[in-house]
């Protein structure tokens, strides 16, 4: 019988809300020795994910996109909207200002193989597990999948 996401997920994972100060979220990541957190609203529904990659902008900063001046106009060689997004993340003080709001999730009844395929396709390291109402009930990581593979040998 094949395993489901619920069989190997970590139930009741640590979560944060968009209003959570970044300092608190970073402290939680370090204390729990994890690399990302689901972000939930007041109803505990998934609204995003905060990962170490989202926090890197705080330390690395952003570079102005290349541009040139032509007839007193600035012409950007890259999309300036991306620069604005990166700048917002670099200056953010709350989870909501730096999180990725395009969270990919899965339900616990789905086959483990489907979770692995989704993580690979979307290039994500973790998948929040939600119930039918969209509430976060667990989380599954690449490491969880690899450990399950190893236990089958």
Protein backbone atom coordinates (compact mmCIF):
# COMPACT_ATOMS: atom_id res chain seq x y z
CA UNK A 1 0.00 0.00 0.00
CA UNK A 2 1.43 3.39 -0.93
CA UNK A 3 1.91 6.07 1.69
CA UNK A 4 -0.05 9.27 1.80
CA UNK A 5 1.11 12.75 2.73
CA UNK A 6 -0.62 12.40 6.13
CA UNK A 7 1.45 9.28 6.88
CA UNK A 8 4.74 11.18 6.97
CA UNK A 9 3.86 14.86 7.48
CA UNK A 10 4.76 16.76 10.62
CA UNK A 11 1.40 17.53 12.22
CA UNK A 12 0.64 20.88 13.84
CA UNK A 13 3.67 22.72 12.46
CA UNK A 14 4.87 26.04 13.77
CA UNK A 15 3.13 28.85 11.89
CA UNK A 16 3.26 32.64 11.82
CA UNK A 17 0.85 35.35 10.75
CA UNK A 18 1.50 38.20 8.30
CA UNK A 19 1.63 40.69 11.20
CA UNK A 20 4.33 38.70 13.03
CA UNK A 21 7.52 40.79 13.37
CA UNK A 22 10.39 39.36 11.32
CA UNK A 23 12.61 39.15 14.40
CA UNK A 24 10.11 36.76 16.03
CA UNK A 25 9.86 34.61 12.90
CA UNK A 26 13.65 34.40 12.55
CA UNK A 27 13.97 33.42 16.20
CA UNK A 28 11.34 30.69 15.67
CA UNK A 29 13.20 29.33 12.62
CA UNK A 30 16.43 29.10 14.61
CA UNK A 31 14.84 27.62 17.75
CA UNK A 32 12.93 24.96 15.82
CA UNK A 33 15.88 24.32 13.45
CA UNK A 34 13.64 24.65 10.39
CA UNK A 35 14.06 26.54 7.13
CA UNK A 36 10.54 27.78 6.52
CA UNK A 37 7.16 28.51 8.06
CA UNK A 38 3.60 28.46 6.76
CA UNK A 39 1.93 31.86 7.09
CA UNK A 40 -1.72 31.77 8.14
CA UNK A 41 -4.50 34.30 8.64
CA UNK A 42 -6.72 34.61 11.74
CA UNK A 43 -8.78 31.60 10.60
CA UNK A 44 -5.58 29.51 10.32
CA UNK A 45 -5.91 29.38 6.53
CA UNK A 46 -2.74 29.35 4.45
CA UNK A 47 -1.84 32.72 2.93
CA UNK A 48 1.86 32.26 2.21
CA UNK A 49 5.19 30.75 3.19
CA UNK A 50 8.21 32.36 4.80
CA UNK A 51 11.50 30.74 3.83
CA UNK A 52 15.16 31.40 4.40
CA UNK A 53 15.34 32.60 0.80
CA UNK A 54 12.75 35.31 1.57
CA UNK A 55 14.92 36.49 4.46
CA UNK A 56 18.13 36.68 2.43
CA UNK A 57 17.06 40.06 0.99
CA UNK A 58 17.37 41.49 4.50
CA UNK A 59 21.09 40.78 4.50
CA UNK A 60 22.05 41.02 0.84
CA UNK A 61 20.07 44.10 -0.16
CA UNK A 62 19.12 44.83 -3.73
CA UNK A 63 20.82 46.30 -6.74
CA UNK A 64 19.32 48.99 -8.93
CA UNK A 65 18.32 47.47 -12.28
CA UNK A 66 20.48 48.51 -15.23
CA UNK A 67 19.20 51.55 -17.08
CA UNK A 68 20.26 54.31 -19.45
CA UNK A 69 19.15 57.88 -19.96
CA UNK A 70 17.70 58.92 -23.29
CA UNK A 71 16.25 62.40 -23.89
CA UNK A 72 15.81 63.04 -20.16
CA UNK A 73 14.02 59.71 -19.68
CA UNK A 74 15.12 56.68 -17.71
CA UNK A 75 14.86 53.46 -19.69
CA UNK A 76 15.24 50.31 -17.61
CA UNK A 77 16.85 47.26 -19.18
CA UNK A 78 15.07 44.99 -16.70
CA UNK A 79 11.60 45.10 -15.22
CA UNK A 80 11.61 47.80 -12.49
CA UNK A 81 8.65 46.10 -10.79
CA UNK A 82 10.98 43.24 -9.79
CA UNK A 83 13.32 45.80 -8.22
CA UNK A 84 10.41 47.28 -6.26
CA UNK A 85 9.43 43.82 -5.00
CA UNK A 86 13.00 43.03 -3.94
CA UNK A 87 13.39 46.41 -2.25
CA UNK A 88 10.15 45.87 -0.35
CA UNK A 89 11.47 42.52 0.91
CA UNK A 90 14.83 44.01 1.89
CA UNK A 91 13.17 46.72 3.97
CA UNK A 92 10.31 44.62 5.37
CA UNK A 93 9.71 44.42 9.10
CA UNK A 94 6.86 41.89 9.21
CA UNK A 95 6.36 38.41 7.81
CA UNK A 96 3.68 39.69 5.43
CA UNK A 97 6.12 42.12 3.83
CA UNK A 98 8.69 39.47 2.90
CA UNK A 99 6.80 36.17 2.58
CA UNK A 100 6.08 34.39 -0.68
CA UNK A 101 2.35 34.75 -1.19
CA UNK A 102 2.10 32.06 -3.85
CA UNK A 103 2.10 29.14 -1.46
CA UNK A 104 1.73 25.68 -2.94
CA UNK A 105 -0.10 23.24 -0.67
CA UNK A 106 -1.46 19.70 -0.66
CA UNK A 107 -4.04 17.73 1.30
CA UNK A 108 -3.11 14.85 3.57
CA UNK A 109 -5.04 12.23 1.59
CA UNK A 110 -2.88 12.65 -1.51
CA UNK A 111 -0.25 10.01 -2.39
CA UNK A 112 3.31 10.74 -1.31
CA UNK A 113 4.41 10.40 -4.94
CA UNK A 114 2.12 13.31 -5.88
CA UNK A 115 3.69 15.49 -3.17
CA UNK A 116 7.18 14.65 -4.44
CA UNK A 117 6.20 15.45 -8.02
CA UNK A 118 4.62 18.76 -6.98
CA UNK A 119 7.67 19.78 -4.95
CA UNK A 120 9.96 18.92 -7.84
CA UNK A 121 7.84 20.69 -10.46
CA UNK A 122 7.37 23.86 -8.39
CA UNK A 123 10.94 23.77 -7.01
CA UNK A 124 9.79 24.09 -3.40
CA UNK A 125 11.47 22.57 -0.35
CA UNK A 126 8.32 22.23 1.74
CA UNK A 127 4.60 21.81 1.24
CA UNK A 128 2.08 22.96 3.81
CA UNK A 129 -0.62 20.33 4.26
CA UNK A 130 -4.14 21.75 4.46
CA UNK A 131 -7.55 20.31 5.27
CA UNK A 132 -10.67 20.75 3.14
CA UNK A 133 -11.23 24.23 4.62
CA UNK A 134 -7.70 25.38 3.73
CA UNK A 135 -6.44 25.30 7.33
CA UNK A 136 -2.83 24.24 7.86
CA UNK A 137 -2.72 20.83 9.57
CA UNK A 138 0.84 19.76 8.75
CA UNK A 139 3.92 20.22 6.65
CA UNK A 140 5.99 17.89 4.50
CA UNK A 141 9.56 18.54 3.40
CA UNK A 142 11.97 17.07 0.90
CA UNK A 143 13.83 15.56 3.85
CA UNK A 144 10.68 13.77 5.01
CA UNK A 145 10.34 12.16 1.59
CA UNK A 146 14.00 11.12 1.44
CA UNK A 147 13.84 9.63 4.96
CA UNK A 148 10.75 7.64 3.93
CA UNK A 149 12.58 6.37 0.86
CA UNK A 150 15.55 5.32 3.03
CA UNK A 151 13.31 3.43 5.49
CA UNK A 152 11.98 1.30 2.64
CA UNK A 153 15.41 -0.19 1.87
